[in-house]
Amino acid sequence: MRRLAFRKALSERIKAGDVLTIDKFVVPELKTKSFVGLLKKQTDARKVLLVSDAFDQNTLKSGRNVKPVTLATASDVNTEQLLAFEKILVTQKALERLAERTRPAGGSEHAK
């Protein structure tokens, strides 16, 4: 049931144009200003969920005090987070991991 809810939430956000894909999101220096500048190049939205396969220390530390922005890995992001933010920035590698997470368990869906 959780996998279905996650898949549905992600699918609806993609259809609505709320999911933006980027190659990578890496802050070159340990500065909040650098994080915000990089984020603003991608979207003007105030509430942003940033999803990556992994974050380096500069990105994590630079982004932890930027509210309301949340950083989540593709393995840890949940349905509630997918629904709570205006825009979702997803790195290419994270998108591949999310695709794995949304595949039906056992390789096939049950018909109802």
N, C-alpha and C. Protein backbone atom coordinates (compact mmCIF):
# COMPACT_ATOMS: atom_id res chain seq x y z
N MET A 1 0.82 -1.19 0.00
CA MET A 1 0.00 0.00 0.00
C MET A 1 0.87 1.26 0.00
N ARG A 2 1.94 1.26 0.79
CA ARG A 2 2.82 2.43 0.83
C ARG A 2 3.49 2.69 -0.51
N ARG A 3 3.91 1.60 -1.16
CA ARG A 3 4.56 1.74 -2.46
C ARG A 3 3.59 2.35 -3.47
N LEU A 4 2.34 1.92 -3.43
CA LEU A 4 1.32 2.45 -4.33
C LEU A 4 1.08 3.94 -4.06
N ALA A 5 0.99 4.32 -2.80
CA ALA A 5 0.79 5.74 -2.45
C ALA A 5 1.98 6.58 -2.91
N PHE A 6 3.17 6.06 -2.70
CA PHE A 6 4.39 6.76 -3.13
C PHE A 6 4.39 6.94 -4.65
N ARG A 7 4.09 5.86 -5.37
CA ARG A 7 4.06 5.89 -6.83
C ARG A 7 3.03 6.89 -7.34
N LYS A 8 1.84 6.87 -6.74
CA LYS A 8 0.76 7.78 -7.14
C LYS A 8 1.15 9.24 -6.88
N ALA A 9 1.71 9.51 -5.70
CA ALA A 9 2.11 10.89 -5.36
C ALA A 9 3.18 11.39 -6.32
N LEU A 10 4.18 10.58 -6.60
CA LEU A 10 5.25 10.99 -7.50
C LEU A 10 4.70 11.20 -8.92
N SER A 11 3.87 10.30 -9.37
CA SER A 11 3.28 10.40 -10.69
C SER A 11 2.45 11.68 -10.86
N GLU A 12 1.64 11.98 -9.87
CA GLU A 12 0.80 13.18 -9.93
C GLU A 12 1.64 14.46 -9.93
N ARG A 13 2.70 14.48 -9.15
CA ARG A 13 3.57 15.66 -9.11
C ARG A 13 4.31 15.85 -10.43
N ILE A 14 4.71 14.74 -11.06
CA ILE A 14 5.36 14.82 -12.37
C ILE A 14 4.38 15.36 -13.40
N LYS A 15 3.15 14.83 -13.40
CA LYS A 15 2.12 15.28 -14.35
C LYS A 15 1.82 16.76 -14.17
N ALA A 16 1.86 17.24 -12.94
CA ALA A 16 1.56 18.65 -12.65
C ALA A 16 2.73 19.57 -13.00
N GLY A 17 3.87 19.01 -13.36
CA GLY A 17 5.04 19.81 -13.71
C GLY A 17 5.80 20.32 -12.50
N ASP A 18 5.60 19.67 -11.36
CA ASP A 18 6.24 20.11 -10.11
C ASP A 18 7.58 19.43 -9.84
N VAL A 19 7.96 18.47 -10.68
CA VAL A 19 9.23 17.76 -10.51
C VAL A 19 10.19 18.24 -11.59
N LEU A 20 11.30 18.81 -11.16
CA LEU A 20 12.32 19.33 -12.06
C LEU A 20 13.56 18.45 -11.95
N THR A 21 14.09 18.01 -13.07
CA THR A 21 15.29 17.17 -13.02
C THR A 21 16.52 18.01 -13.33
N ILE A 22 17.59 17.68 -12.63
CA ILE A 22 18.88 18.35 -12.81
C ILE A 22 19.96 17.28 -12.86
N ASP A 23 21.09 17.58 -13.48
CA ASP A 23 22.17 16.60 -13.55
C ASP A 23 22.73 16.31 -12.16
N LYS A 24 23.04 17.38 -11.44
CA LYS A 24 23.57 17.23 -10.08
C LYS A 24 23.36 18.53 -9.33
N PHE A 25 23.45 18.47 -8.02
CA PHE A 25 23.33 19.66 -7.18
C PHE A 25 24.47 19.60 -6.18
N VAL A 26 25.52 20.34 -6.48
CA VAL A 26 26.71 20.33 -5.63
C VAL A 26 27.10 21.78 -5.34
N VAL A 27 27.17 22.11 -4.07
CA VAL A 27 27.58 23.45 -3.65
C VAL A 27 29.11 23.45 -3.56
N PRO A 28 29.77 24.30 -4.34
CA PRO A 28 31.23 24.27 -4.40
C PRO A 28 31.94 24.74 -3.13
N GLU A 29 31.29 25.60 -2.35
CA GLU A 29 31.91 26.10 -1.12
C GLU A 29 30.92 26.05 0.02
N LEU A 30 31.42 25.96 1.21
CA LEU A 30 30.59 25.81 2.41
C LEU A 30 29.98 27.15 2.80
N LYS A 31 28.97 27.58 2.00
CA LYS A 31 28.30 28.84 2.27
C LYS A 31 26.81 28.71 1.93
N THR A 32 25.98 29.17 2.85
CA THR A 32 24.54 29.15 2.63
C THR A 32 24.18 29.98 1.40
N LYS A 33 24.86 31.10 1.22
CA LYS A 33 24.61 31.98 0.08
C LYS A 33 24.83 31.24 -1.24
N SER A 34 25.85 30.40 -1.31
CA SER A 34 26.11 29.61 -2.52
C SER A 34 24.99 28.60 -2.77
N PHE A 35 24.51 27.98 -1.68
CA PHE A 35 23.41 27.03 -1.79
C PHE A 35 22.16 27.72 -2.33
N VAL A 36 21.81 28.86 -1.75
CA VAL A 36 20.61 29.60 -2.16
C VAL A 36 20.74 30.05 -3.61
N GLY A 37 21.91 30.53 -4.00
CA GLY A 37 22.13 30.97 -5.37
C GLY A 37 21.95 29.84 -6.37
N LEU A 38 22.48 28.68 -6.04
CA LEU A 38 22.35 27.51 -6.91
C LEU A 38 20.89 27.06 -7.00
N LEU A 39 20.19 27.12 -5.88
CA LEU A 39 18.78 26.74 -5.85
C LEU A 39 17.93 27.69 -6.69
N LYS A 40 18.20 28.98 -6.57
CA LYS A 40 17.42 30.00 -7.30
C LYS A 40 17.62 29.90 -8.81
N LYS A 41 18.76 29.34 -9.24
CA LYS A 41 18.98 29.12 -10.67
C LYS A 41 18.03 28.04 -11.21
N GLN A 42 17.56 27.18 -10.33
CA GLN A 42 16.70 26.07 -10.74
C GLN A 42 15.22 26.38 -10.64
N THR A 43 14.81 27.12 -9.58
CA THR A 43 13.39 27.39 -9.37
C THR A 43 13.21 28.63 -8.49
N ASP A 44 12.08 29.30 -8.69
CA ASP A 44 11.72 30.44 -7.85
C ASP A 44 10.83 30.03 -6.68
N ALA A 45 10.45 28.76 -6.63
CA ALA A 45 9.56 28.29 -5.56
C ALA A 45 10.21 28.48 -4.19
N ARG A 46 9.38 28.74 -3.19
CA ARG A 46 9.88 28.93 -1.83
C ARG A 46 10.04 27.59 -1.09
N LYS A 47 9.07 26.71 -1.23
CA LYS A 47 9.14 25.40 -0.56
C LYS A 47 9.65 24.37 -1.56
N VAL A 48 10.90 23.94 -1.35
CA VAL A 48 11.54 23.04 -2.31
C VAL A 48 12.05 21.79 -1.59
N LEU A 49 11.77 20.65 -2.21
CA LEU A 49 12.34 19.38 -1.77
C LEU A 49 13.45 19.04 -2.76
N LEU A 50 14.65 18.86 -2.25
CA LEU A 50 15.80 18.53 -3.09
C LEU A 50 16.14 17.07 -2.86
N VAL A 51 16.04 16.27 -3.92
CA VAL A 51 16.28 14.83 -3.81
C VAL A 51 17.50 14.45 -4.64
N SER A 52 18.44 13.77 -4.00
CA SER A 52 19.65 13.32 -4.68
C SER A 52 19.93 11.89 -4.23
N ASP A 53 20.82 11.22 -4.95
CA ASP A 53 21.22 9.88 -4.51
C ASP A 53 22.09 9.99 -3.27
N ALA A 54 22.86 11.07 -3.16
CA ALA A 54 23.70 11.35 -2.00
C ALA A 54 24.11 12.82 -2.04
N PHE A 55 24.43 13.36 -0.88
CA PHE A 55 24.86 14.76 -0.80
C PHE A 55 26.27 14.82 -0.21
N ASP A 56 27.11 15.70 -0.78
CA ASP A 56 28.43 15.91 -0.19
C ASP A 56 28.28 16.80 1.05
N GLN A 57 29.33 16.90 1.84
CA GLN A 57 29.28 17.65 3.10
C GLN A 57 29.01 19.14 2.89
N ASN A 58 29.60 19.74 1.86
CA ASN A 58 29.36 21.17 1.60
C ASN A 58 27.89 21.44 1.34
N THR A 59 27.28 20.59 0.53
CA THR A 59 25.87 20.77 0.19
C THR A 59 24.99 20.57 1.41
N LEU A 60 25.24 19.51 2.17
CA LEU A 60 24.45 19.25 3.39
C LEU A 60 24.55 20.40 4.39
N LYS A 61 25.76 20.82 4.67
CA LYS A 61 25.95 21.86 5.67
C LYS A 61 25.46 23.22 5.19
N SER A 62 25.62 23.51 3.90
CA SER A 62 25.18 24.80 3.36
C SER A 62 23.66 24.89 3.29
N GLY A 63 23.00 23.75 3.10
CA GLY A 63 21.56 23.76 2.93
C GLY A 63 20.74 23.48 4.17
N ARG A 64 21.37 23.07 5.25
CA ARG A 64 20.60 22.66 6.43
C ARG A 64 19.84 23.79 7.12
N ASN A 65 20.29 25.03 6.95
CA ASN A 65 19.61 26.15 7.59
C ASN A 65 18.70 26.93 6.66
N VAL A 66 18.55 26.46 5.43
CA VAL A 66 17.70 27.15 4.46
C VAL A 66 16.28 26.59 4.60
N LYS A 67 15.40 27.42 5.09
CA LYS A 67 14.01 27.00 5.28
C LYS A 67 13.12 27.75 4.32
N PRO A 68 12.10 27.19 3.79
CA PRO A 68 11.66 25.80 3.91
C PRO A 68 12.15 24.92 2.76
N VAL A 69 13.42 24.58 2.80
CA VAL A 69 14.01 23.65 1.84
C VAL A 69 14.43 22.41 2.61
N THR A 70 14.13 21.25 2.05
CA THR A 70 14.52 20.00 2.69
C THR A 70 15.35 19.18 1.71
N LEU A 71 16.43 18.60 2.22
CA LEU A 71 17.27 17.71 1.43
C LEU A 71 16.93 16.29 1.83
N ALA A 72 16.71 15.42 0.84
CA ALA A 72 16.40 14.02 1.12
C ALA A 72 17.08 13.15 0.06
N THR A 73 17.50 11.97 0.47
CA THR A 73 18.05 11.04 -0.51
C THR A 73 16.90 10.28 -1.16
N ALA A 74 17.16 9.77 -2.33
CA ALA A 74 16.13 9.02 -3.07
C ALA A 74 15.68 7.79 -2.30
N SER A 75 16.55 7.25 -1.48
CA SER A 75 16.20 6.07 -0.68
C SER A 75 15.31 6.42 0.51
N ASP A 76 15.43 7.65 1.00
CA ASP A 76 14.73 8.04 2.23
C ASP A 76 13.49 8.91 2.03
N VAL A 77 13.34 9.53 0.88
CA VAL A 77 12.22 10.44 0.67
C VAL A 77 10.91 9.66 0.81
N ASN A 78 9.90 10.32 1.39
CA ASN A 78 8.63 9.63 1.62
C ASN A 78 7.46 10.35 0.93
N THR A 79 6.31 9.72 0.96
CA THR A 79 5.12 10.24 0.29
C THR A 79 4.72 11.60 0.84
N GLU A 80 4.77 11.77 2.13
CA GLU A 80 4.40 13.05 2.75
C GLU A 80 5.28 14.18 2.22
N GLN A 81 6.57 13.93 2.09
CA GLN A 81 7.48 14.93 1.56
C GLN A 81 7.16 15.26 0.10
N LEU A 82 6.82 14.25 -0.68
CA LEU A 82 6.49 14.49 -2.09
C LEU A 82 5.28 15.42 -2.23
N LEU A 83 4.38 15.38 -1.27
CA LEU A 83 3.16 16.17 -1.34
C LEU A 83 3.27 17.54 -0.68
N ALA A 84 4.26 17.74 0.17
CA ALA A 84 4.32 18.93 1.02
C ALA A 84 5.02 20.14 0.39
N PHE A 85 5.73 19.94 -0.70
CA PHE A 85 6.55 21.02 -1.25
C PHE A 85 6.02 21.52 -2.58
N GLU A 86 6.26 22.83 -2.85
CA GLU A 86 5.83 23.43 -4.12
C GLU A 86 6.50 22.76 -5.30
N LYS A 87 7.82 22.64 -5.23
CA LYS A 87 8.60 22.04 -6.30
C LYS A 87 9.53 20.98 -5.73
N ILE A 88 9.85 20.02 -6.57
CA ILE A 88 10.77 18.95 -6.20
C ILE A 88 11.89 18.93 -7.22
N LEU A 89 13.11 19.17 -6.76
CA LEU A 89 14.30 19.08 -7.62
C LEU A 89 14.90 17.69 -7.43
N VAL A 90 15.09 16.98 -8.52
CA VAL A 90 15.60 15.61 -8.45
C VAL A 90 16.81 15.47 -9.36
N THR A 91 17.89 14.94 -8.83
CA THR A 91 19.06 14.69 -9.67
C THR A 91 18.79 13.46 -10.54
N GLN A 92 19.53 13.35 -11.62
CA GLN A 92 19.32 12.24 -12.56
C GLN A 92 19.49 10.88 -11.87
N LYS A 93 20.53 10.74 -11.06
CA LYS A 93 20.76 9.46 -10.36
C LYS A 93 19.64 9.17 -9.37
N ALA A 94 19.14 10.21 -8.72
CA ALA A 94 18.04 10.03 -7.77
C ALA A 94 16.78 9.60 -8.50
N LEU A 95 16.56 10.13 -9.70
CA LEU A 95 15.39 9.76 -10.48
C LEU A 95 15.43 8.28 -10.83
N GLU A 96 16.60 7.77 -11.15
CA GLU A 96 16.75 6.34 -11.42
C GLU A 96 16.42 5.52 -10.19
N ARG A 97 16.87 5.98 -9.03
CA ARG A 97 16.57 5.27 -7.77
C ARG A 97 15.08 5.33 -7.45
N LEU A 98 14.45 6.47 -7.69
CA LEU A 98 13.00 6.59 -7.46
C LEU A 98 12.23 5.67 -8.38
N ALA A 99 12.70 5.54 -9.62
CA ALA A 99 12.05 4.62 -10.56
C ALA A 99 12.10 3.19 -10.04
N GLU A 100 13.23 2.81 -9.45
CA GLU A 100 13.36 1.48 -8.85
C GLU A 100 12.36 1.31 -7.70
N ARG A 101 12.23 2.34 -6.89
CA ARG A 101 11.33 2.27 -5.73
C ARG A 101 9.86 2.18 -6.13
N THR A 102 9.51 2.71 -7.30
CA THR A 102 8.11 2.73 -7.70
C THR A 102 7.71 1.52 -8.53
N ARG A 103 8.67 0.66 -8.87
CA ARG A 103 8.31 -0.56 -9.60
C ARG A 103 7.45 -1.44 -8.71
N PRO A 104 6.46 -2.07 -9.29
CA PRO A 104 5.60 -2.96 -8.48
C PRO A 104 6.42 -4.09 -7.85
N ALA A 105 6.08 -4.44 -6.63
CA ALA A 105 6.75 -5.54 -5.94
C ALA A 105 6.50 -6.83 -6.70
N GLY A 106 7.51 -7.63 -6.90
CA GLY A 106 7.34 -8.89 -7.58
C GLY A 106 7.32 -8.78 -9.10
N GLY A 107 7.42 -7.56 -9.62
CA GLY A 107 7.53 -7.38 -11.05
C GLY A 107 6.22 -7.27 -11.80
N SER A 108 5.08 -7.52 -11.13
CA SER A 108 3.81 -7.36 -11.82
C SER A 108 2.77 -6.81 -10.87
N GLU A 109 1.77 -6.15 -11.42
CA GLU A 109 0.70 -5.60 -10.60
C GLU A 109 -0.48 -6.55 -10.61
N HIS A 110 -1.23 -6.52 -9.54
CA HIS A 110 -2.43 -7.33 -9.46
C HIS A 110 -3.58 -6.57 -10.10
N ALA A 111 -4.30 -7.24 -10.95
CA ALA A 111 -5.47 -6.61 -11.57
C ALA A 111 -6.66 -6.66 -10.63
N LYS A 112 -7.42 -5.58 -10.62
CA LYS A 112 -8.60 -5.54 -9.74
C LYS A 112 -9.85 -5.51 -10.55
